[in-house]
PDB file of N, CA and C in Angstrom:
ATOM      1  N   UNK A   1      70.985 102.993 102.696  1.00  0.00           N
ATOM      2  CA  UNK A   1      69.912 102.906 103.324  1.00  0.00           C
ATOM      3  C   UNK A   1      70.298 101.938 104.591  1.00  0.00           C
ATOM      4  N   UNK A   2      69.408 102.239 105.688  1.00  0.00           N
ATOM      5  CA  UNK A   2      69.481 101.645 107.028  1.00  0.00           C
ATOM      6  C   UNK A   2      68.354 101.157 107.503  1.00  0.00           C
ATOM      7  N   UNK A   3      68.208  99.938 108.371  1.00  0.00           N
ATOM      8  CA  UNK A   3      67.119  99.888 109.114  1.00  0.00           C
ATOM      9  C   UNK A   3      67.333  99.496 110.392  1.00  0.00           C
ATOM     10  N   UNK A   4      66.442  99.545 111.348  1.00  0.00           N
ATOM     11  CA  UNK A   4      66.935  99.530 112.725  1.00  0.00           C
ATOM     12  C   UNK A   4      67.207  98.131 113.215  1.00  0.00           C
ATOM     13  N   UNK A   5      68.086  97.878 114.302  1.00  0.00           N
ATOM     14  CA  UNK A   5      68.597  96.610 114.302  1.00  0.00           C
ATOM     15  C   UNK A   5      67.529  95.539 114.886  1.00  0.00           C
ATOM     16  N   UNK A   6      66.531  96.042 115.185  1.00  0.00           N
ATOM     17  CA  UNK A   6      65.546  95.273 115.677  1.00  0.00           C
ATOM     18  C   UNK A   6      64.261  94.554 114.721  1.00  0.00           C
ATOM     19  N   UNK A   7      64.610  95.017 113.297  1.00  0.00           N
ATOM     20  CA  UNK A   7      63.773  94.495 112.673  1.00  0.00           C
ATOM     21  C   UNK A   7      63.768  93.120 112.356  1.00  0.00           C
ATOM     22  N   UNK A   8      62.753  92.429 112.292  1.00  0.00           N
ATOM     23  CA  UNK A   8      62.504  91.048 112.249  1.00  0.00           C
ATOM     24  C   UNK A   8      62.696  90.209 110.713  1.00  0.00           C
ATOM     25  N   UNK A   9      63.474  91.114 110.061  1.00  0.00           N
ATOM     26  CA  UNK A   9      63.510  90.423 108.525  1.00  0.00           C
ATOM     27  C   UNK A   9      64.536  89.194 108.635  1.00  0.00           C
ATOM     28  N   UNK A  10      64.399  88.122 107.764  1.00  0.00           N
ATOM     29  CA  UNK A  10      65.508  87.328 107.677  1.00  0.00           C
ATOM     30  C   UNK A  10      66.266  87.425 106.613  1.00  0.00           C
ATOM     31  N   UNK A  11      67.575  86.879 106.651  1.00  0.00           N
ATOM     32  CA  UNK A  11      68.580  87.257 105.762  1.00  0.00           C
ATOM     33  C   UNK A  11      69.295  88.913 105.545  1.00  0.00           C
ATOM     34  N   UNK A  12      69.134  89.130 106.871  1.00  0.00           N
ATOM     35  CA  UNK A  12      69.805  90.699 107.158  1.00  0.00           C
ATOM     36  C   UNK A  12      71.110  90.684 107.770  1.00  0.00           C
ATOM     37  N   UNK A  13      72.248  91.576 107.372  1.00  0.00           N
ATOM     38  CA  UNK A  13      73.131  91.645 108.104  1.00  0.00           C
ATOM     39  C   UNK A  13      73.593  92.958 108.124  1.00  0.00           C
ATOM     40  N   UNK A  14      74.514  93.369 108.956  1.00  0.00           N
ATOM     41  CA  UNK A  14      74.848  94.799 109.115  1.00  0.00           C
ATOM     42  C   UNK A  14      76.355  94.667 108.212  1.00  0.00           C
ATOM     43  N   UNK A  15      76.466  95.814 107.270  1.00  0.00           N
ATOM     44  CA  UNK A  15      77.427  95.979 106.476  1.00  0.00           C
ATOM     45  C   UNK A  15      78.506  96.996 107.084  1.00  0.00           C
ATOM     46  N   UNK A  16      79.633  96.538 107.155  1.00  0.00           N
ATOM     47  CA  UNK A  16      80.556  97.317 107.817  1.00  0.00           C
ATOM     48  C   UNK A  16      80.912  98.855 106.763  1.00  0.00           C
ATOM     49  N   UNK A  17      81.082  99.909 107.344  1.00  0.00           N
ATOM     50  CA  UNK A  17      81.111 100.959 106.732  1.00  0.00           C
ATOM     51  C   UNK A  17      82.641 101.126 106.189  1.00  0.00           C
ATOM     52  N   UNK A  18      82.900 101.902 105.293  1.00  0.00           N
ATOM     53  CA  UNK A  18      84.048 102.324 104.504  1.00  0.00           C
ATOM     54  C   UNK A  18      84.066 102.641 103.225  1.00  0.00           C
ATOM     55  N   UNK A  19      85.146 102.705 102.450  1.00  0.00           N
ATOM     56  CA  UNK A  19      85.156 103.345 100.980  1.00  0.00           C
ATOM     57  C   UNK A  19      84.846 102.050 100.273  1.00  0.00           C
ATOM     58  N   UNK A  20      83.945 102.318  99.028  1.00  0.00           N
ATOM     59  CA  UNK A  20      83.583 101.164  98.379  1.00  0.00           C
ATOM     60  C   UNK A  20      83.889 101.834  97.020  1.00  0.00           C
ATOM     61  N   UNK A  21      84.214 100.938  96.057  1.00  0.00           N
ATOM     62  CA  UNK A  21      84.368 101.199  94.284  1.00  0.00           C
ATOM     63  C   UNK A  21      82.999 100.956  94.015  1.00  0.00           C
ATOM     64  N   UNK A  22      82.375 101.512  93.398  1.00  0.00           N
ATOM     65  CA  UNK A  22      81.024 100.977  92.724  1.00  0.00           C
ATOM     66  C   UNK A  22      81.165 101.097  91.263  1.00  0.00           C
ATOM     67  N   UNK A  23      80.753  99.880  90.685  1.00  0.00           N
ATOM     68  CA  UNK A  23      80.741  99.746  89.248  1.00  0.00           C
ATOM     69  C   UNK A  23      78.941  99.735  88.805  1.00  0.00           C
ATOM     70  N   UNK A  24      78.820 100.529  87.982  1.00  0.00           N
ATOM     71  CA  UNK A  24      77.205 100.439  87.681  1.00  0.00           C
ATOM     72  C   UNK A  24      77.187  99.558  86.365  1.00  0.00           C
ATOM     73  N   UNK A  25      76.690  98.344  86.931  1.00  0.00           N
ATOM     74  CA  UNK A  25      76.359  97.434  85.536  1.00  0.00           C
ATOM     75  C   UNK A  25      74.897  97.379  84.960  1.00  0.00           C
ATOM     76  N   UNK A  26      75.074  97.341  83.579  1.00  0.00           N
ATOM     77  CA  UNK A  26      73.772  97.360  82.902  1.00  0.00           C
ATOM     78  C   UNK A  26      74.042  96.287  81.483  1.00  0.00           C
ATOM     79  N   UNK A  27      73.259  95.362  81.845  1.00  0.00           N
ATOM     80  CA  UNK A  27      73.482  94.085  80.691  1.00  0.00           C
ATOM     81  C   UNK A  27      72.627  92.783  81.169  1.00  0.00           C
ATOM     82  N   UNK A  28      73.026  91.863  80.682  1.00  0.00           N
ATOM     83  CA  UNK A  28      72.483  90.768  80.615  1.00  0.00           C
ATOM     84  C   UNK A  28      73.118  89.916  81.675  1.00  0.00           C
ATOM     85  N   UNK A  29      72.345  89.158  82.693  1.00  0.00           N
ATOM     86  CA  UNK A  29      72.959  88.380  83.469  1.00  0.00           C
ATOM     87  C   UNK A  29      74.024  87.494  83.362  1.00  0.00           C
ATOM     88  N   UNK A  30      74.193  86.932  81.974  1.00  0.00           N
ATOM     89  CA  UNK A  30      74.898  86.010  81.547  1.00  0.00           C
ATOM     90  C   UNK A  30      76.056  86.565  81.243  1.00  0.00           C
ATOM     91  N   UNK A  31      76.344  87.971  81.113  1.00  0.00           N
ATOM     92  CA  UNK A  31      77.443  88.747  80.937  1.00  0.00           C
ATOM     93  C   UNK A  31      78.124  89.386  82.071  1.00  0.00           C
ATOM     94  N   UNK A  32      77.493  89.153  83.296  1.00  0.00           N
ATOM     95  CA  UNK A  32      78.368  89.656  84.524  1.00  0.00           C
ATOM     96  C   UNK A  32      79.658  89.369  84.831  1.00  0.00           C
ATOM     97  N   UNK A  33      79.953  88.103  84.628  1.00  0.00           N
ATOM     98  CA  UNK A  33      81.160  87.170  84.900  1.00  0.00           C
ATOM     99  C   UNK A  33      82.323  88.441  84.193  1.00  0.00           C
ATOM    100  N   UNK A  34      81.886  88.693  82.968  1.00  0.00           N
ATOM    101  CA  UNK A  34      83.045  89.325  82.083  1.00  0.00           C
ATOM    102  C   UNK A  34      83.109  90.576  83.013  1.00  0.00           C
ATOM    103  N   UNK A  35      81.966  91.311  83.370  1.00  0.00           N
ATOM    104  CA  UNK A  35      82.153  92.714  84.182  1.00  0.00           C
ATOM    105  C   UNK A  35      83.107  92.392  85.334  1.00  0.00           C
ATOM    106  N   UNK A  36      82.990  91.323  85.866  1.00  0.00           N
ATOM    107  CA  UNK A  36      83.653  91.446  87.565  1.00  0.00           C
ATOM    108  C   UNK A  36      85.119  90.994  87.045  1.00  0.00           C
ATOM    109  N   UNK A  37      85.325  90.118  85.899  1.00  0.00           N
ATOM    110  CA  UNK A  37      86.609  89.934  85.424  1.00  0.00           C
ATOM    111  C   UNK A  37      87.470  91.193  84.993  1.00  0.00           C
ATOM    112  N   UNK A  38      86.706  92.149  84.349  1.00  0.00           N
ATOM    113  CA  UNK A  38      87.462  93.359  84.243  1.00  0.00           C
ATOM    114  C   UNK A  38      87.576  94.120  85.195  1.00  0.00           C
ATOM    115  N   UNK A  39      86.776  94.088  86.349  1.00  0.00           N
ATOM    116  CA  UNK A  39      86.730  95.223  87.346  1.00  0.00           C
ATOM    117  C   UNK A  39      88.271  94.564  88.118  1.00  0.00           C
ATOM    118  N   UNK A  40      88.405  93.082  88.199  1.00  0.00           N
ATOM    119  CA  UNK A  40      89.512  92.549  89.148  1.00  0.00           C
ATOM    120  C   UNK A  40      90.806  92.456  88.397  1.00  0.00           C
ATOM    121  N   UNK A  41      90.759  92.731  86.745  1.00  0.00           N
ATOM    122  CA  UNK A  41      91.821  92.176  86.555  1.00  0.00           C
ATOM    123  C   UNK A  41      92.404  93.634  85.712  1.00  0.00           C
ATOM    124  N   UNK A  42      91.735  94.581  85.387  1.00  0.00           N
ATOM    125  CA  UNK A  42      91.841  95.703  84.770  1.00  0.00           C
ATOM    126  C   UNK A  42      91.867  97.007  85.603  1.00  0.00           C
ATOM    127  N   UNK A  43      90.474  97.197  86.024  1.00  0.00           N
ATOM    128  CA  UNK A  43      90.083  98.599  86.603  1.00  0.00           C
ATOM    129  C   UNK A  43      91.059  98.650  87.921  1.00  0.00           C
ATOM    130  N   UNK A  44      90.765  97.474  88.954  1.00  0.00           N
ATOM    131  CA  UNK A  44      91.615  97.488  90.380  1.00  0.00           C
ATOM    132  C   UNK A  44      92.910  97.744  90.349  1.00  0.00           C
ATOM    133  N   UNK A  45      93.731  96.979  89.579  1.00  0.00           N
ATOM    134  CA  UNK A  45      95.204  97.299  89.458  1.00  0.00           C
ATOM    135  C   UNK A  45      95.521  98.608  89.117  1.00  0.00           C
ATOM    136  N   UNK A  46      94.616  99.236  87.968  1.00  0.00           N
ATOM    137  CA  UNK A  46      94.987 100.487  87.431  1.00  0.00           C
ATOM    138  C   UNK A  46      94.657 101.514  88.448  1.00  0.00           C
ATOM    139  N   UNK A  47      93.774 101.473  89.409  1.00  0.00           N
ATOM    140  CA  UNK A  47      93.154 102.483  90.139  1.00  0.00           C
ATOM    141  C   UNK A  47      93.966 102.820  91.252  1.00  0.00           C
ATOM    142  N   UNK A  48      94.909 101.814  91.663  1.00  0.00           N
ATOM    143  CA  UNK A  48      95.743 101.955  92.870  1.00  0.00           C
ATOM    144  C   UNK A  48      94.962 101.844  94.209  1.00  0.00           C
ATOM    145  N   UNK A  49      94.050 101.135  93.886  1.00  0.00           N
ATOM    146  CA  UNK A  49      93.005 100.599  95.233  1.00  0.00           C
ATOM    147  C   UNK A  49      93.754  99.161  95.342  1.00  0.00           C
ATOM    148  N   UNK A  50      93.393  98.480  96.689  1.00  0.00           N
ATOM    149  CA  UNK A  50      93.544  97.015  96.945  1.00  0.00           C
ATOM    150  C   UNK A  50      92.112  96.858  97.729  1.00  0.00           C
ATOM    151  N   UNK A  51      91.621  95.493  97.619  1.00  0.00           N
ATOM    152  CA  UNK A  51      90.586  95.059  98.293  1.00  0.00           C
ATOM    153  C   UNK A  51      90.764  95.203  99.685  1.00  0.00           C
ATOM    154  N   UNK A  52      89.579  95.468 100.365  1.00  0.00           N
ATOM    155  CA  UNK A  52      89.500  95.707 101.761  1.00  0.00           C
ATOM    156  C   UNK A  52      89.079  94.087 102.405  1.00  0.00           C
ATOM    157  N   UNK A  53      89.311  94.068 103.567  1.00  0.00           N
ATOM    158  CA  UNK A  53      88.817  92.718 103.987  1.00  0.00           C
ATOM    159  C   UNK A  53      87.012  92.570 104.230  1.00  0.00           C
ATOM    160  N   UNK A  54      86.568  93.692 104.165  1.00  0.00           N
ATOM    161  CA  UNK A  54      85.175  93.498 104.310  1.00  0.00           C
ATOM    162  C   UNK A  54      84.501  93.190 102.966  1.00  0.00           C
ATOM    163  N   UNK A  55      83.052  92.482 103.299  1.00  0.00           N
ATOM    164  CA  UNK A  55      82.411  91.938 102.399  1.00  0.00           C
ATOM    165  C   UNK A  55      81.912  92.789 101.194  1.00  0.00           C
ATOM    166  N   UNK A  56      81.798  92.341 100.142  1.00  0.00           N
ATOM    167  CA  UNK A  56      81.262  93.216  99.064  1.00  0.00           C
ATOM    168  C   UNK A  56      79.739  92.861  98.786  1.00  0.00           C
ATOM    169  N   UNK A  57      79.211  93.868  98.155  1.00  0.00           N
ATOM    170  CA  UNK A  57      77.751  93.613  98.025  1.00  0.00           C
ATOM    171  C   UNK A  57      77.230  94.137  96.579  1.00  0.00           C
ATOM    172  N   UNK A  58      76.286  93.664  96.280  1.00  0.00           N
ATOM    173  CA  UNK A  58      75.326  94.174  94.867  1.00  0.00           C
ATOM    174  C   UNK A  58      74.147  94.952  95.353  1.00  0.00           C
ATOM    175  N   UNK A  59      73.783  96.125  94.475  1.00  0.00           N
ATOM    176  CA  UNK A  59      72.817  96.844  95.048  1.00  0.00           C
ATOM    177  C   UNK A  59      71.746  96.528  93.445  1.00  0.00           C
ATOM    178  N   UNK A  60      70.711  95.668  93.553  1.00  0.00           N
ATOM    179  CA  UNK A  60      69.886  95.458  92.411  1.00  0.00           C
ATOM    180  C   UNK A  60      68.807  96.702  92.080  1.00  0.00           C
ATOM    181  N   UNK A  61      68.970  97.315  91.112  1.00  0.00           N
ATOM    182  CA  UNK A  61      68.314  98.481  90.595  1.00  0.00           C
ATOM    183  C   UNK A  61      67.084  97.894  89.869  1.00  0.00           C
ATOM    184  N   UNK A  62      67.273  97.086  89.011  1.00  0.00           N
ATOM    185  CA  UNK A  62      66.269  96.560  88.176  1.00  0.00           C
ATOM    186  C   UNK A  62      66.737  95.327  87.388  1.00  0.00           C
ATOM    187  N   UNK A  63      65.523  94.210  87.620  1.00  0.00           N
ATOM    188  CA  UNK A  63      65.763  92.907  87.070  1.00  0.00           C
ATOM    189  C   UNK A  63      64.617  92.722  85.869  1.00  0.00           C
ATOM    190  N   UNK A  64      64.903  92.464  84.907  1.00  0.00           N
ATOM    191  CA  UNK A  64      63.952  91.900  84.032  1.00  0.00           C
ATOM    192  C   UNK A  64      63.988  90.459  83.769  1.00  0.00           C
ATOM    193  N   UNK A  65      63.319  89.489  84.444  1.00  0.00           N
ATOM    194  CA  UNK A  65      63.150  88.196  84.560  1.00  0.00           C
ATOM    195  C   UNK A  65      62.991  87.683  82.983  1.00  0.00           C
ATOM    196  N   UNK A  66      62.152  88.386  82.210  1.00  0.00           N
ATOM    197  CA  UNK A  66      62.001  87.789  81.059  1.00  0.00           C
ATOM    198  C   UNK A  66      62.919  87.680  80.008  1.00  0.00           C
ATOM    199  N   UNK A  67      64.043  88.797  80.089  1.00  0.00           N
ATOM    200  CA  UNK A  67      64.916  88.998  79.051  1.00  0.00           C
ATOM    201  C   UNK A  67      66.462  88.628  79.680  1.00  0.00           C
ATOM    202  N   UNK A  68      66.211  88.621  81.158  1.00  0.00           N
ATOM    203  CA  UNK A  68      67.542  88.785  81.631  1.00  0.00           C
ATOM    204  C   UNK A  68      68.370  89.856  81.785  1.00  0.00           C
ATOM    205  N   UNK A  69      68.029  90.950  81.321  1.00  0.00           N
ATOM    206  CA  UNK A  69      68.659  92.365  81.439  1.00  0.00           C
ATOM    207  C   UNK A  69      68.549  92.780  83.008  1.00  0.00           C
ATOM    208  N   UNK A  70      69.853  93.145  83.470  1.00  0.00           N
ATOM    209  CA  UNK A  70      69.636  93.776  84.757  1.00  0.00           C
ATOM    210  C   UNK A  70      70.609  95.081  84.767  1.00  0.00           C
ATOM    211  N   UNK A  71      70.343  95.763  85.810  1.00  0.00           N
ATOM    212  CA  UNK A  71      70.868  97.187  86.092  1.00  0.00           C
ATOM    213  C   UNK A  71      71.252  96.726  87.974  1.00  0.00           C
ATOM    214  N   UNK A  72      72.544  97.049  88.001  1.00  0.00           N
ATOM    215  CA  UNK A  72      72.826  96.710  89.415  1.00  0.00           C
ATOM    216  C   UNK A  72      74.203  97.567  89.864  1.00  0.00           C
ATOM    217  N   UNK A  73      74.595  97.876  91.179  1.00  0.00           N
ATOM    218  CA  UNK A  73      75.967  98.569  91.366  1.00  0.00           C
ATOM    219  C   UNK A  73      76.678  97.406  92.112  1.00  0.00           C
ATOM    220  N   UNK A  74      77.725  97.114  91.666  1.00  0.00           N
ATOM    221  CA  UNK A  74      78.626  96.171  92.011  1.00  0.00           C
ATOM    222  C   UNK A  74      79.353  97.192  93.335  1.00  0.00           C
ATOM    223  N   UNK A  75      79.142  96.710  94.544  1.00  0.00           N
ATOM    224  CA  UNK A  75      80.131  97.509  95.490  1.00  0.00           C
ATOM    225  C   UNK A  75      81.269  96.772  96.106  1.00  0.00           C
ATOM    226  N   UNK A  76      82.369  97.109  95.850  1.00  0.00           N
ATOM    227  CA  UNK A  76      83.648  96.513  96.427  1.00  0.00           C
ATOM    228  C   UNK A  76      84.214  97.071  97.387  1.00  0.00           C
ATOM    229  N   UNK A  77      84.632  96.479  98.461  1.00  0.00           N
ATOM    230  CA  UNK A  77      85.246  97.572  99.486  1.00  0.00           C
ATOM    231  C   UNK A  77      86.709  97.622  99.123  1.00  0.00           C
ATOM    232  N   UNK A  78      87.451  98.750  99.447  1.00  0.00           N
ATOM    233  CA  UNK A  78      88.753  99.187  98.682  1.00  0.00           C
ATOM    234  C   UNK A  78      89.238  99.888  99.803  1.00  0.00           C
ATOM    235  N   UNK A  79      90.610  99.742  99.789  1.00  0.00           N
ATOM    236  CA  UNK A  79      91.465 100.761 100.877  1.00  0.00           C
ATOM    237  C   UNK A  79      92.571 101.362 100.170  1.00  0.00           C
TER     238      UNK A  79
END
Protein backbone atom coordinates (compact mmCIF):
# COMPACT_ATOMS: atom_id res chain seq x y z
CA UNK A 1 0.00 0.00 0.00
CA UNK A 2 1.30 3.44 -0.84
CA UNK A 3 0.24 6.98 -0.12
CA UNK A 4 1.37 10.18 -1.74
CA UNK A 5 4.39 11.81 -0.11
CA UNK A 6 2.48 15.02 0.61
CA UNK A 7 -0.31 13.44 2.68
CA UNK A 8 -0.46 15.26 6.04
CA UNK A 9 -0.84 12.16 8.25
CA UNK A 10 1.18 12.09 11.45
CA UNK A 11 3.33 9.08 12.35
CA UNK A 12 4.06 8.04 8.78
CA UNK A 13 7.34 7.05 7.21
CA UNK A 14 8.69 5.60 4.00
CA UNK A 15 9.59 1.92 4.20
CA UNK A 16 12.53 0.94 2.02
CA UNK A 17 11.73 -1.74 -0.55
CA UNK A 18 13.29 -5.17 -0.65
CA UNK A 19 12.70 -8.77 0.32
CA UNK A 20 10.78 -9.50 3.52
CA UNK A 21 9.95 -12.71 5.30
CA UNK A 22 6.31 -12.59 6.36
CA UNK A 23 4.97 -14.60 9.29
CA UNK A 24 1.19 -14.66 9.65
CA UNK A 25 0.48 -14.55 13.39
CA UNK A 26 -2.95 -15.48 14.71
CA UNK A 27 -3.36 -15.63 18.46
CA UNK A 28 -3.43 -13.71 21.68
CA UNK A 29 -1.28 -10.64 22.07
CA UNK A 30 0.27 -12.08 25.22
CA UNK A 31 1.76 -14.94 23.14
CA UNK A 32 3.34 -12.86 20.39
CA UNK A 33 6.73 -12.84 22.13
CA UNK A 34 6.91 -16.62 21.68
CA UNK A 35 6.21 -16.20 17.96
CA UNK A 36 9.09 -13.74 17.63
CA UNK A 37 11.35 -16.09 19.61
CA UNK A 38 10.54 -18.91 17.19
CA UNK A 39 11.08 -16.75 14.13
CA UNK A 40 14.51 -15.55 15.27
CA UNK A 41 15.83 -18.72 16.92
CA UNK A 42 14.35 -21.47 14.74
CA UNK A 43 13.02 -20.32 11.38
CA UNK A 44 15.55 -17.64 10.43
CA UNK A 45 18.68 -19.77 11.05
CA UNK A 46 17.18 -22.74 9.17
CA UNK A 47 15.85 -20.71 6.22
CA UNK A 48 19.26 -19.49 5.11
CA UNK A 49 18.35 -15.80 5.30
CA UNK A 50 19.97 -13.09 7.39
CA UNK A 51 18.30 -9.96 8.66
CA UNK A 52 18.77 -6.90 6.51
CA UNK A 53 19.52 -3.45 7.97
CA UNK A 54 16.09 -2.11 7.00
CA UNK A 55 13.32 -1.72 9.56
CA UNK A 56 10.82 -4.48 10.13
CA UNK A 57 7.12 -3.77 10.50
CA UNK A 58 3.82 -5.40 11.37
CA UNK A 59 0.57 -5.26 9.40
CA UNK A 60 -2.36 -5.60 11.77
CA UNK A 61 -5.23 -7.39 10.02
CA UNK A 62 -7.59 -7.72 12.98
CA UNK A 63 -7.49 -6.97 16.70
CA UNK A 64 -10.21 -7.92 19.15
CA UNK A 65 -9.68 -5.59 22.09
CA UNK A 66 -12.05 -7.54 24.31
CA UNK A 67 -10.35 -10.95 24.03
CA UNK A 68 -6.84 -9.85 23.04
CA UNK A 69 -6.96 -12.03 19.91
CA UNK A 70 -5.16 -10.60 16.89
CA UNK A 71 -4.18 -11.44 13.37
CA UNK A 72 -1.15 -9.70 11.91
CA UNK A 73 1.71 -10.15 9.47
CA UNK A 74 5.17 -9.85 11.01
CA UNK A 75 7.39 -8.52 8.23
CA UNK A 76 11.15 -8.92 8.65
CA UNK A 77 13.60 -7.56 6.08
CA UNK A 78 15.93 -10.31 4.90
CA UNK A 79 18.73 -10.79 2.42
